[in-house]
Structures are given as structure tokens and as C-alpha cells.
Amino acid sequence: MSIKVYSSIFAVLIGSTAFELAIIGQPLARNVLVTSVMGLAGIKALLVALFFQHLKDEPRSVSSLLLLGLVAAFILLTLSLLSIGALHGV
């Protein structure tokens, strides 16, 4: 894979991290904030796994298994963060 592709992916990762940091201080509802940050984190994890760990070149079964794990982790983390906020009245 060319350096241009890796540089583009790296730029997307840096940009999404900057966007995450920018929305943290915004007066948004907790649900919107948690969902946004978790969604961006999931996208970044997927990009790292696909391009920097070269999973996009693996058989479809391996990629599907990874995607299933990422979706499950995203759901569980989101539910955990939302329930913590509900318990503390945030």
C-alpha cells in the first residue's frame, strides 16, 4: 500500500481526534455526547484495524469476526457510560 493511503488514514485519525476534543466542551446532551464520541472511537478503531493491522487483506470471515467484536464493544461501552450518567444524575 502506498504512503499516500497511510498518510490519508492518519490525517482522518488526527482530524477525528481533534473533532472529539472539540465537542467535549460543548453544551450537548450527555446522550448525544457519549454517542458521538463512541461513534468516532469506533470508526477510528476500525480504520486502525483495517489499514495499519492489514485486516482488510484477510479473508472475509476474519474481518466479519472483528467487526462483530467491535460492534459488541461499542454497544456495551455506550450502555455502560449511559448508565453511569443515569446513576449520577448527569
N, C-alpha and C. Protein backbone atom coordinates (compact mmCIF):
# COMPACT_ATOMS: atom_id res chain seq x y z
N MET A 1 0.85 -1.17 0.00
CA MET A 1 0.00 0.00 0.00
C MET A 1 0.90 1.24 0.00
N SER A 2 0.43 2.27 -0.64
CA SER A 2 1.26 3.47 -0.81
C SER A 2 1.26 4.34 0.44
N ILE A 3 2.26 5.16 0.52
CA ILE A 3 2.39 6.09 1.64
C ILE A 3 1.26 7.12 1.62
N LYS A 4 0.71 7.40 0.43
CA LYS A 4 -0.38 8.37 0.31
C LYS A 4 -1.63 7.86 1.04
N VAL A 5 -1.91 6.56 0.93
CA VAL A 5 -3.08 5.99 1.61
C VAL A 5 -2.87 6.04 3.12
N TYR A 6 -1.69 5.63 3.58
CA TYR A 6 -1.42 5.66 5.02
C TYR A 6 -1.46 7.08 5.57
N SER A 7 -0.96 8.02 4.81
CA SER A 7 -0.99 9.42 5.25
C SER A 7 -2.42 9.94 5.32
N SER A 8 -3.25 9.54 4.36
CA SER A 8 -4.65 9.96 4.37
C SER A 8 -5.40 9.39 5.57
N ILE A 9 -5.17 8.12 5.84
CA ILE A 9 -5.82 7.49 7.00
C ILE A 9 -5.35 8.17 8.28
N PHE A 10 -4.05 8.44 8.37
CA PHE A 10 -3.51 9.11 9.55
C PHE A 10 -4.14 10.50 9.71
N ALA A 11 -4.33 11.22 8.61
CA ALA A 11 -4.96 12.54 8.68
C ALA A 11 -6.41 12.44 9.16
N VAL A 12 -7.12 11.41 8.72
CA VAL A 12 -8.50 11.21 9.18
C VAL A 12 -8.51 10.91 10.68
N LEU A 13 -7.57 10.11 11.14
CA LEU A 13 -7.48 9.79 12.57
C LEU A 13 -7.19 11.05 13.40
N ILE A 14 -6.27 11.87 12.93
CA ILE A 14 -5.95 13.12 13.63
C ILE A 14 -7.15 14.06 13.62
N GLY A 15 -7.81 14.18 12.48
CA GLY A 15 -8.98 15.05 12.38
C GLY A 15 -10.12 14.62 13.27
N SER A 16 -10.38 13.32 13.32
CA SER A 16 -11.48 12.84 14.17
C SER A 16 -11.14 12.99 15.65
N THR A 17 -9.86 12.85 16.00
CA THR A 17 -9.46 13.09 17.39
C THR A 17 -9.64 14.57 17.75
N ALA A 18 -9.27 15.46 16.85
CA ALA A 18 -9.46 16.89 17.10
C ALA A 18 -10.95 17.22 17.23
N PHE A 19 -11.78 16.58 16.41
CA PHE A 19 -13.23 16.81 16.49
C PHE A 19 -13.78 16.31 17.82
N GLU A 20 -13.29 15.15 18.28
CA GLU A 20 -13.71 14.62 19.58
C GLU A 20 -13.38 15.62 20.69
N LEU A 21 -12.16 16.13 20.67
CA LEU A 21 -11.75 17.08 21.70
C LEU A 21 -12.56 18.36 21.62
N ALA A 22 -12.95 18.76 20.42
CA ALA A 22 -13.73 19.99 20.26
C ALA A 22 -15.15 19.85 20.79
N ILE A 23 -15.76 18.69 20.62
CA ILE A 23 -17.15 18.55 21.06
C ILE A 23 -17.27 18.23 22.55
N ILE A 24 -16.17 17.84 23.18
CA ILE A 24 -16.23 17.52 24.61
C ILE A 24 -16.69 18.73 25.43
N GLY A 25 -16.20 19.90 25.11
CA GLY A 25 -16.55 21.09 25.89
C GLY A 25 -17.85 21.76 25.48
N GLN A 26 -18.52 21.24 24.49
CA GLN A 26 -19.75 21.86 24.00
C GLN A 26 -20.93 21.51 24.92
N PRO A 27 -21.89 22.42 25.02
CA PRO A 27 -23.07 22.15 25.85
C PRO A 27 -24.07 21.23 25.13
N LEU A 28 -23.73 19.97 25.04
CA LEU A 28 -24.59 18.98 24.39
C LEU A 28 -25.19 18.07 25.44
N ALA A 29 -26.31 17.45 25.10
CA ALA A 29 -26.89 16.46 26.00
C ALA A 29 -25.91 15.30 26.15
N ARG A 30 -25.90 14.71 27.33
CA ARG A 30 -24.95 13.63 27.62
C ARG A 30 -25.11 12.48 26.62
N ASN A 31 -26.33 12.13 26.28
CA ASN A 31 -26.55 11.03 25.34
C ASN A 31 -25.92 11.32 23.98
N VAL A 32 -26.08 12.55 23.52
CA VAL A 32 -25.52 12.94 22.22
C VAL A 32 -24.00 12.92 22.29
N LEU A 33 -23.45 13.44 23.37
CA LEU A 33 -22.00 13.49 23.53
C LEU A 33 -21.40 12.09 23.59
N VAL A 34 -21.99 11.21 24.39
CA VAL A 34 -21.48 9.84 24.53
C VAL A 34 -21.58 9.10 23.21
N THR A 35 -22.70 9.22 22.54
CA THR A 35 -22.88 8.53 21.27
C THR A 35 -21.91 9.04 20.21
N SER A 36 -21.70 10.35 20.18
CA SER A 36 -20.77 10.93 19.21
C SER A 36 -19.34 10.47 19.44
N VAL A 37 -18.90 10.57 20.67
CA VAL A 37 -17.52 10.19 21.00
C VAL A 37 -17.32 8.68 20.78
N MET A 38 -18.28 7.88 21.17
CA MET A 38 -18.15 6.43 20.98
C MET A 38 -18.19 6.07 19.50
N GLY A 39 -19.00 6.76 18.73
CA GLY A 39 -19.05 6.51 17.29
C GLY A 39 -17.73 6.85 16.61
N LEU A 40 -17.17 7.99 16.97
CA LEU A 40 -15.88 8.36 16.41
C LEU A 40 -14.78 7.39 16.84
N ALA A 41 -14.82 6.96 18.08
CA ALA A 41 -13.83 5.99 18.56
C ALA A 41 -13.96 4.66 17.81
N GLY A 42 -15.17 4.26 17.53
CA GLY A 42 -15.38 3.02 16.77
C GLY A 42 -14.86 3.13 15.35
N ILE A 43 -15.09 4.26 14.73
CA ILE A 43 -14.59 4.48 13.37
C ILE A 43 -13.07 4.47 13.36
N LYS A 44 -12.46 5.12 14.35
CA LYS A 44 -11.00 5.15 14.42
C LYS A 44 -10.44 3.75 14.66
N ALA A 45 -11.07 2.98 15.53
CA ALA A 45 -10.62 1.61 15.78
C ALA A 45 -10.72 0.76 14.51
N LEU A 46 -11.79 0.94 13.78
CA LEU A 46 -11.97 0.20 12.54
C LEU A 46 -10.91 0.58 11.51
N LEU A 47 -10.61 1.85 11.37
CA LEU A 47 -9.58 2.29 10.43
C LEU A 47 -8.20 1.75 10.80
N VAL A 48 -7.88 1.79 12.08
CA VAL A 48 -6.58 1.26 12.52
C VAL A 48 -6.50 -0.23 12.24
N ALA A 49 -7.55 -0.95 12.57
CA ALA A 49 -7.54 -2.41 12.34
C ALA A 49 -7.46 -2.75 10.86
N LEU A 50 -8.20 -2.06 10.04
CA LEU A 50 -8.23 -2.38 8.62
C LEU A 50 -6.93 -2.03 7.91
N PHE A 51 -6.39 -0.85 8.19
CA PHE A 51 -5.25 -0.39 7.40
C PHE A 51 -3.91 -0.62 8.07
N PHE A 52 -3.79 -0.30 9.35
CA PHE A 52 -2.49 -0.41 9.99
C PHE A 52 -2.21 -1.83 10.50
N GLN A 53 -3.27 -2.62 10.74
CA GLN A 53 -3.08 -4.02 11.11
C GLN A 53 -3.37 -4.94 9.93
N HIS A 54 -3.62 -4.36 8.78
CA HIS A 54 -3.77 -5.06 7.50
C HIS A 54 -4.89 -6.11 7.50
N LEU A 55 -5.96 -5.86 8.24
CA LEU A 55 -7.07 -6.81 8.27
C LEU A 55 -7.92 -6.74 7.02
N LYS A 56 -7.79 -5.69 6.23
CA LYS A 56 -8.60 -5.62 5.01
C LYS A 56 -8.13 -6.63 3.98
N ASP A 57 -6.91 -7.15 4.14
CA ASP A 57 -6.39 -8.16 3.23
C ASP A 57 -6.65 -9.58 3.71
N GLU A 58 -7.25 -9.72 4.88
CA GLU A 58 -7.57 -11.04 5.43
C GLU A 58 -8.86 -11.58 4.81
N PRO A 59 -9.11 -12.88 4.99
CA PRO A 59 -10.39 -13.43 4.49
C PRO A 59 -11.59 -12.75 5.15
N ARG A 60 -12.71 -12.76 4.47
CA ARG A 60 -13.93 -12.11 4.94
C ARG A 60 -14.36 -12.61 6.32
N SER A 61 -14.14 -13.89 6.62
CA SER A 61 -14.56 -14.44 7.91
C SER A 61 -13.81 -13.78 9.07
N VAL A 62 -12.53 -13.52 8.89
CA VAL A 62 -11.74 -12.87 9.94
C VAL A 62 -12.21 -11.43 10.13
N SER A 63 -12.43 -10.73 9.04
CA SER A 63 -12.90 -9.34 9.12
C SER A 63 -14.29 -9.26 9.74
N SER A 64 -15.16 -10.20 9.43
CA SER A 64 -16.51 -10.21 10.00
C SER A 64 -16.47 -10.46 11.50
N LEU A 65 -15.59 -11.34 11.92
CA LEU A 65 -15.45 -11.62 13.34
C LEU A 65 -14.97 -10.38 14.09
N LEU A 66 -14.03 -9.67 13.52
CA LEU A 66 -13.53 -8.44 14.14
C LEU A 66 -14.63 -7.40 14.20
N LEU A 67 -15.38 -7.25 13.13
CA LEU A 67 -16.47 -6.28 13.10
C LEU A 67 -17.53 -6.60 14.15
N LEU A 68 -17.84 -7.87 14.32
CA LEU A 68 -18.80 -8.28 15.34
C LEU A 68 -18.29 -7.89 16.73
N GLY A 69 -17.02 -8.11 16.99
CA GLY A 69 -16.44 -7.73 18.28
C GLY A 69 -16.47 -6.23 18.51
N LEU A 70 -16.17 -5.46 17.47
CA LEU A 70 -16.21 -4.00 17.61
C LEU A 70 -17.62 -3.49 17.88
N VAL A 71 -18.59 -4.06 17.21
CA VAL A 71 -19.98 -3.64 17.42
C VAL A 71 -20.42 -3.99 18.85
N ALA A 72 -20.07 -5.18 19.31
CA ALA A 72 -20.43 -5.59 20.67
C ALA A 72 -19.75 -4.68 21.70
N ALA A 73 -18.48 -4.37 21.51
CA ALA A 73 -17.77 -3.49 22.44
C ALA A 73 -18.38 -2.10 22.45
N PHE A 74 -18.74 -1.60 21.26
CA PHE A 74 -19.36 -0.28 21.16
C PHE A 74 -20.68 -0.24 21.93
N ILE A 75 -21.51 -1.24 21.75
CA ILE A 75 -22.81 -1.29 22.44
C ILE A 75 -22.62 -1.37 23.94
N LEU A 76 -21.74 -2.25 24.39
CA LEU A 76 -21.53 -2.41 25.83
C LEU A 76 -20.94 -1.16 26.47
N LEU A 77 -19.97 -0.54 25.82
CA LEU A 77 -19.39 0.68 26.38
C LEU A 77 -20.39 1.83 26.41
N THR A 78 -21.17 1.96 25.36
CA THR A 78 -22.18 3.01 25.34
C THR A 78 -23.21 2.81 26.44
N LEU A 79 -23.69 1.60 26.60
CA LEU A 79 -24.65 1.32 27.67
C LEU A 79 -24.04 1.57 29.05
N SER A 80 -22.78 1.21 29.21
CA SER A 80 -22.11 1.44 30.49
C SER A 80 -21.99 2.92 30.79
N LEU A 81 -21.55 3.69 29.81
CA LEU A 81 -21.39 5.13 30.03
C LEU A 81 -22.73 5.82 30.27
N LEU A 82 -23.74 5.40 29.55
CA LEU A 82 -25.06 6.00 29.75
C LEU A 82 -25.63 5.63 31.12
N SER A 83 -25.40 4.41 31.58
CA SER A 83 -25.93 4.01 32.87
C SER A 83 -25.18 4.69 34.01
N ILE A 84 -23.89 4.93 33.84
CA ILE A 84 -23.14 5.66 34.85
C ILE A 84 -23.68 7.09 34.97
N GLY A 85 -23.97 7.70 33.83
CA GLY A 85 -24.54 9.04 33.84
C GLY A 85 -25.91 9.07 34.48
N ALA A 86 -26.72 8.04 34.24
CA ALA A 86 -28.06 7.97 34.81
C ALA A 86 -28.00 7.78 36.32
N LEU A 87 -27.02 7.02 36.78
CA LEU A 87 -26.88 6.79 38.23
C LEU A 87 -26.45 8.04 38.97
N HIS A 88 -25.66 8.85 38.34
CA HIS A 88 -25.14 10.05 39.00
C HIS A 88 -25.94 11.30 38.65
N GLY A 89 -27.05 11.13 37.96
CA GLY A 89 -27.90 12.26 37.65
C GLY A 89 -27.33 13.23 36.64
N VAL A 90 -26.44 12.75 35.78
CA VAL A 90 -25.82 13.63 34.79
C VAL A 90 -26.65 13.65 33.54
